[in-house]
Amino acid sequence: MSVKETLIQALLLFGRIMDMLILVRVLMSWFRPQVWSRETQWFFRAEEFVVRLTEPVLAPIRRILPTGGLGLDFSPIVAAILLEIVIKTAITLIAALPVP
């Protein structure tokens, strides 16, 4: 496997992982337990881990994007679309590089 192919595969993997983490974060926000307890502590720890991984992507979008007055957070949708565009563009540029 060439360096270009490896880089393209790494970008695709990164995109898939980020998409999944963003989806998991959205789902966790919907099904969040009401109370922290011994039985639910695993959920809150997992949620903290997912937030730490996704917040660098979502926070800048959230600062720019208005909530629309409804309190809805559209940053996960925008982030997923932007990640897709950035990764596809990067792959196109990498594929266009001359082979040494």
N, C-alpha and C. Protein backbone atom coordinates (compact mmCIF):
# COMPACT_ATOMS: atom_id res chain seq x y z
N MET A 1 0.85 -1.17 0.00
CA MET A 1 0.00 0.00 0.00
C MET A 1 0.90 1.24 0.00
N SER A 2 0.59 2.17 -0.86
CA SER A 2 1.40 3.38 -0.99
C SER A 2 1.09 4.36 0.14
N VAL A 3 1.91 5.37 0.25
CA VAL A 3 1.72 6.39 1.27
C VAL A 3 0.41 7.14 1.02
N LYS A 4 0.10 7.43 -0.24
CA LYS A 4 -1.15 8.11 -0.57
C LYS A 4 -2.35 7.27 -0.14
N GLU A 5 -2.32 6.00 -0.45
CA GLU A 5 -3.44 5.13 -0.08
C GLU A 5 -3.59 5.03 1.43
N THR A 6 -2.47 4.95 2.13
CA THR A 6 -2.51 4.89 3.59
C THR A 6 -3.09 6.16 4.17
N LEU A 7 -2.69 7.30 3.65
CA LEU A 7 -3.21 8.58 4.12
C LEU A 7 -4.70 8.72 3.85
N ILE A 8 -5.11 8.29 2.68
CA ILE A 8 -6.55 8.34 2.34
C ILE A 8 -7.34 7.43 3.27
N GLN A 9 -6.84 6.22 3.53
CA GLN A 9 -7.52 5.30 4.44
C GLN A 9 -7.60 5.87 5.85
N ALA A 10 -6.53 6.54 6.29
CA ALA A 10 -6.52 7.16 7.62
C ALA A 10 -7.56 8.28 7.71
N LEU A 11 -7.66 9.09 6.67
CA LEU A 11 -8.66 10.16 6.65
C LEU A 11 -10.08 9.59 6.68
N LEU A 12 -10.32 8.55 5.90
CA LEU A 12 -11.64 7.92 5.89
C LEU A 12 -11.98 7.33 7.26
N LEU A 13 -11.01 6.70 7.89
CA LEU A 13 -11.22 6.12 9.22
C LEU A 13 -11.51 7.22 10.24
N PHE A 14 -10.74 8.30 10.18
CA PHE A 14 -10.97 9.44 11.08
C PHE A 14 -12.39 9.98 10.90
N GLY A 15 -12.81 10.13 9.66
CA GLY A 15 -14.16 10.63 9.39
C GLY A 15 -15.24 9.72 9.94
N ARG A 16 -15.07 8.41 9.76
CA ARG A 16 -16.05 7.46 10.29
C ARG A 16 -16.11 7.51 11.81
N ILE A 17 -14.94 7.56 12.44
CA ILE A 17 -14.89 7.60 13.90
C ILE A 17 -15.56 8.87 14.42
N MET A 18 -15.24 10.01 13.82
CA MET A 18 -15.85 11.27 14.27
C MET A 18 -17.35 11.26 14.05
N ASP A 19 -17.81 10.76 12.92
CA ASP A 19 -19.25 10.66 12.66
C ASP A 19 -19.94 9.81 13.74
N MET A 20 -19.32 8.69 14.07
CA MET A 20 -19.90 7.80 15.09
C MET A 20 -19.90 8.46 16.46
N LEU A 21 -18.82 9.14 16.80
CA LEU A 21 -18.75 9.81 18.10
C LEU A 21 -19.80 10.93 18.21
N ILE A 22 -19.98 11.67 17.14
CA ILE A 22 -21.00 12.72 17.14
C ILE A 22 -22.39 12.11 17.29
N LEU A 23 -22.66 11.03 16.57
CA LEU A 23 -23.95 10.35 16.70
C LEU A 23 -24.14 9.82 18.12
N VAL A 24 -23.12 9.21 18.68
CA VAL A 24 -23.21 8.70 20.05
C VAL A 24 -23.49 9.84 21.02
N ARG A 25 -22.83 10.98 20.81
CA ARG A 25 -23.06 12.13 21.71
C ARG A 25 -24.51 12.60 21.63
N VAL A 26 -25.05 12.67 20.44
CA VAL A 26 -26.45 13.08 20.28
C VAL A 26 -27.37 12.08 20.99
N LEU A 27 -27.17 10.80 20.75
CA LEU A 27 -28.01 9.79 21.37
C LEU A 27 -27.89 9.80 22.89
N MET A 28 -26.68 10.00 23.38
CA MET A 28 -26.48 10.05 24.84
C MET A 28 -27.21 11.24 25.45
N SER A 29 -27.27 12.34 24.72
CA SER A 29 -27.98 13.51 25.25
C SER A 29 -29.49 13.26 25.31
N TRP A 30 -29.99 12.42 24.43
CA TRP A 30 -31.42 12.11 24.43
C TRP A 30 -31.80 11.13 25.54
N PHE A 31 -30.91 10.19 25.83
CA PHE A 31 -31.22 9.11 26.77
C PHE A 31 -30.43 9.22 28.07
N ARG A 32 -30.12 10.42 28.46
CA ARG A 32 -29.31 10.68 29.65
C ARG A 32 -30.10 10.34 30.91
N PRO A 33 -29.50 9.58 31.83
CA PRO A 33 -30.18 9.31 33.10
C PRO A 33 -30.39 10.60 33.88
N GLN A 34 -31.45 10.66 34.67
CA GLN A 34 -31.78 11.85 35.42
C GLN A 34 -30.86 12.07 36.62
N VAL A 35 -30.41 10.98 37.21
CA VAL A 35 -29.64 11.06 38.45
C VAL A 35 -28.33 10.29 38.30
N TRP A 36 -27.27 10.89 38.85
CA TRP A 36 -25.99 10.18 38.92
C TRP A 36 -26.05 9.24 40.10
N SER A 37 -25.79 7.97 39.85
CA SER A 37 -25.77 6.98 40.92
C SER A 37 -24.70 5.95 40.61
N ARG A 38 -24.56 5.02 41.50
CA ARG A 38 -23.57 3.95 41.30
C ARG A 38 -23.88 3.15 40.03
N GLU A 39 -25.16 2.98 39.75
CA GLU A 39 -25.57 2.20 38.58
C GLU A 39 -25.41 2.98 37.27
N THR A 40 -25.45 4.31 37.34
CA THR A 40 -25.38 5.11 36.12
C THR A 40 -24.04 5.82 35.92
N GLN A 41 -23.11 5.63 36.84
CA GLN A 41 -21.84 6.34 36.73
C GLN A 41 -21.09 5.99 35.45
N TRP A 42 -21.25 4.76 34.96
CA TRP A 42 -20.58 4.37 33.71
C TRP A 42 -21.05 5.26 32.56
N PHE A 43 -22.35 5.59 32.56
CA PHE A 43 -22.90 6.42 31.49
C PHE A 43 -22.26 7.80 31.50
N PHE A 44 -22.17 8.40 32.68
CA PHE A 44 -21.62 9.75 32.78
C PHE A 44 -20.14 9.79 32.45
N ARG A 45 -19.43 8.75 32.79
CA ARG A 45 -18.01 8.68 32.43
C ARG A 45 -17.85 8.51 30.92
N ALA A 46 -18.66 7.67 30.32
CA ALA A 46 -18.61 7.50 28.87
C ALA A 46 -19.00 8.79 28.17
N GLU A 47 -20.01 9.46 28.69
CA GLU A 47 -20.45 10.72 28.10
C GLU A 47 -19.33 11.77 28.17
N GLU A 48 -18.64 11.84 29.29
CA GLU A 48 -17.54 12.79 29.43
C GLU A 48 -16.44 12.51 28.40
N PHE A 49 -16.14 11.23 28.19
CA PHE A 49 -15.14 10.84 27.21
C PHE A 49 -15.55 11.27 25.80
N VAL A 50 -16.79 11.03 25.44
CA VAL A 50 -17.29 11.39 24.11
C VAL A 50 -17.31 12.91 23.94
N VAL A 51 -17.70 13.62 24.97
CA VAL A 51 -17.73 15.09 24.90
C VAL A 51 -16.33 15.63 24.69
N ARG A 52 -15.36 15.10 25.41
CA ARG A 52 -13.97 15.56 25.24
C ARG A 52 -13.45 15.34 23.83
N LEU A 53 -13.88 14.29 23.18
CA LEU A 53 -13.42 14.01 21.82
C LEU A 53 -14.15 14.84 20.77
N THR A 54 -15.40 15.16 21.01
CA THR A 54 -16.19 15.85 19.99
C THR A 54 -16.27 17.37 20.19
N GLU A 55 -16.04 17.85 21.38
CA GLU A 55 -16.20 19.28 21.66
C GLU A 55 -15.28 20.16 20.82
N PRO A 56 -14.02 19.76 20.54
CA PRO A 56 -13.19 20.61 19.67
C PRO A 56 -13.77 20.82 18.28
N VAL A 57 -14.59 19.91 17.82
CA VAL A 57 -15.23 20.05 16.51
C VAL A 57 -16.54 20.83 16.63
N LEU A 58 -17.30 20.56 17.66
CA LEU A 58 -18.64 21.15 17.79
C LEU A 58 -18.63 22.57 18.35
N ALA A 59 -17.73 22.88 19.26
CA ALA A 59 -17.74 24.20 19.93
C ALA A 59 -17.60 25.38 18.95
N PRO A 60 -16.66 25.35 18.00
CA PRO A 60 -16.58 26.48 17.07
C PRO A 60 -17.84 26.67 16.23
N ILE A 61 -18.46 25.58 15.87
CA ILE A 61 -19.70 25.66 15.08
C ILE A 61 -20.81 26.23 15.94
N ARG A 62 -20.89 25.80 17.19
CA ARG A 62 -21.91 26.27 18.11
C ARG A 62 -21.80 27.77 18.37
N ARG A 63 -20.57 28.29 18.38
CA ARG A 63 -20.37 29.73 18.59
C ARG A 63 -20.90 30.55 17.42
N ILE A 64 -20.82 29.99 16.22
CA ILE A 64 -21.25 30.70 15.01
C ILE A 64 -22.73 30.50 14.73
N LEU A 65 -23.21 29.29 14.92
CA LEU A 65 -24.56 28.90 14.54
C LEU A 65 -25.58 29.32 15.61
N PRO A 66 -26.61 30.05 15.22
CA PRO A 66 -27.65 30.41 16.20
C PRO A 66 -28.50 29.18 16.53
N THR A 67 -29.10 29.19 17.71
CA THR A 67 -29.96 28.07 18.11
C THR A 67 -31.35 28.16 17.50
N GLY A 68 -31.67 29.27 16.90
CA GLY A 68 -32.96 29.43 16.25
C GLY A 68 -34.08 29.74 17.22
N GLY A 69 -33.77 30.09 18.45
CA GLY A 69 -34.79 30.43 19.41
C GLY A 69 -35.50 29.23 20.02
N LEU A 70 -35.29 28.06 19.47
CA LEU A 70 -35.94 26.85 19.98
C LEU A 70 -35.07 26.07 20.95
N GLY A 71 -33.82 26.49 21.07
CA GLY A 71 -32.90 25.76 21.94
C GLY A 71 -32.36 24.49 21.31
N LEU A 72 -32.56 24.34 20.02
CA LEU A 72 -32.06 23.15 19.33
C LEU A 72 -30.62 23.37 18.89
N ASP A 73 -29.80 22.36 19.07
CA ASP A 73 -28.40 22.43 18.70
C ASP A 73 -28.19 21.69 17.37
N PHE A 74 -27.97 22.47 16.32
CA PHE A 74 -27.76 21.88 15.00
C PHE A 74 -26.28 21.66 14.70
N SER A 75 -25.41 21.95 15.66
CA SER A 75 -23.98 21.81 15.41
C SER A 75 -23.55 20.38 15.04
N PRO A 76 -24.15 19.33 15.59
CA PRO A 76 -23.74 17.98 15.15
C PRO A 76 -24.01 17.73 13.66
N ILE A 77 -25.13 18.23 13.16
CA ILE A 77 -25.45 18.05 11.75
C ILE A 77 -24.48 18.83 10.88
N VAL A 78 -24.24 20.09 11.26
CA VAL A 78 -23.31 20.93 10.50
C VAL A 78 -21.90 20.34 10.56
N ALA A 79 -21.50 19.85 11.72
CA ALA A 79 -20.17 19.26 11.87
C ALA A 79 -20.00 18.04 10.98
N ALA A 80 -21.01 17.19 10.93
CA ALA A 80 -20.94 16.00 10.09
C ALA A 80 -20.81 16.37 8.61
N ILE A 81 -21.56 17.37 8.19
CA ILE A 81 -21.50 17.81 6.79
C ILE A 81 -20.14 18.43 6.48
N LEU A 82 -19.66 19.30 7.38
CA LEU A 82 -18.35 19.93 7.16
C LEU A 82 -17.21 18.92 7.17
N LEU A 83 -17.27 17.95 8.08
CA LEU A 83 -16.24 16.91 8.10
C LEU A 83 -16.21 16.14 6.79
N GLU A 84 -17.39 15.84 6.28
CA GLU A 84 -17.49 15.12 5.01
C GLU A 84 -16.86 15.94 3.88
N ILE A 85 -17.18 17.22 3.83
CA ILE A 85 -16.63 18.08 2.78
C ILE A 85 -15.12 18.20 2.89
N VAL A 86 -14.62 18.43 4.11
CA VAL A 86 -13.18 18.60 4.32
C VAL A 86 -12.44 17.31 3.97
N ILE A 87 -12.95 16.18 4.40
CA ILE A 87 -12.27 14.91 4.13
C ILE A 87 -12.30 14.58 2.64
N LYS A 88 -13.43 14.77 1.98
CA LYS A 88 -13.50 14.51 0.54
C LYS A 88 -12.56 15.43 -0.23
N THR A 89 -12.47 16.70 0.18
CA THR A 89 -11.56 17.63 -0.47
C THR A 89 -10.11 17.21 -0.27
N ALA A 90 -9.78 16.84 0.96
CA ALA A 90 -8.41 16.40 1.25
C ALA A 90 -8.05 15.15 0.46
N ILE A 91 -8.98 14.22 0.35
CA ILE A 91 -8.73 13.00 -0.42
C ILE A 91 -8.52 13.33 -1.89
N THR A 92 -9.32 14.23 -2.42
CA THR A 92 -9.17 14.64 -3.82
C THR A 92 -7.79 15.26 -4.04
N LEU A 93 -7.37 16.12 -3.12
CA LEU A 93 -6.04 16.75 -3.24
C LEU A 93 -4.92 15.72 -3.12
N ILE A 94 -5.05 14.79 -2.21
CA ILE A 94 -4.03 13.76 -2.03
C ILE A 94 -3.97 12.87 -3.25
N ALA A 95 -5.11 12.50 -3.80
CA ALA A 95 -5.13 11.64 -4.99
C ALA A 95 -4.52 12.34 -6.20
N ALA A 96 -4.59 13.67 -6.24
CA ALA A 96 -4.04 14.41 -7.37
C ALA A 96 -2.54 14.62 -7.27
N LEU A 97 -1.95 14.31 -6.15
CA LEU A 97 -0.50 14.47 -6.00
C LEU A 97 0.24 13.53 -6.94
N PRO A 98 1.34 13.99 -7.51
CA PRO A 98 2.11 13.12 -8.39
C PRO A 98 2.76 11.98 -7.59
N VAL A 99 2.81 10.83 -8.20
CA VAL A 99 3.42 9.67 -7.56
C VAL A 99 4.93 9.73 -7.79
N PRO A 100 5.72 9.70 -6.71
CA PRO A 100 7.18 9.76 -6.90
C PRO A 100 7.74 8.48 -7.45
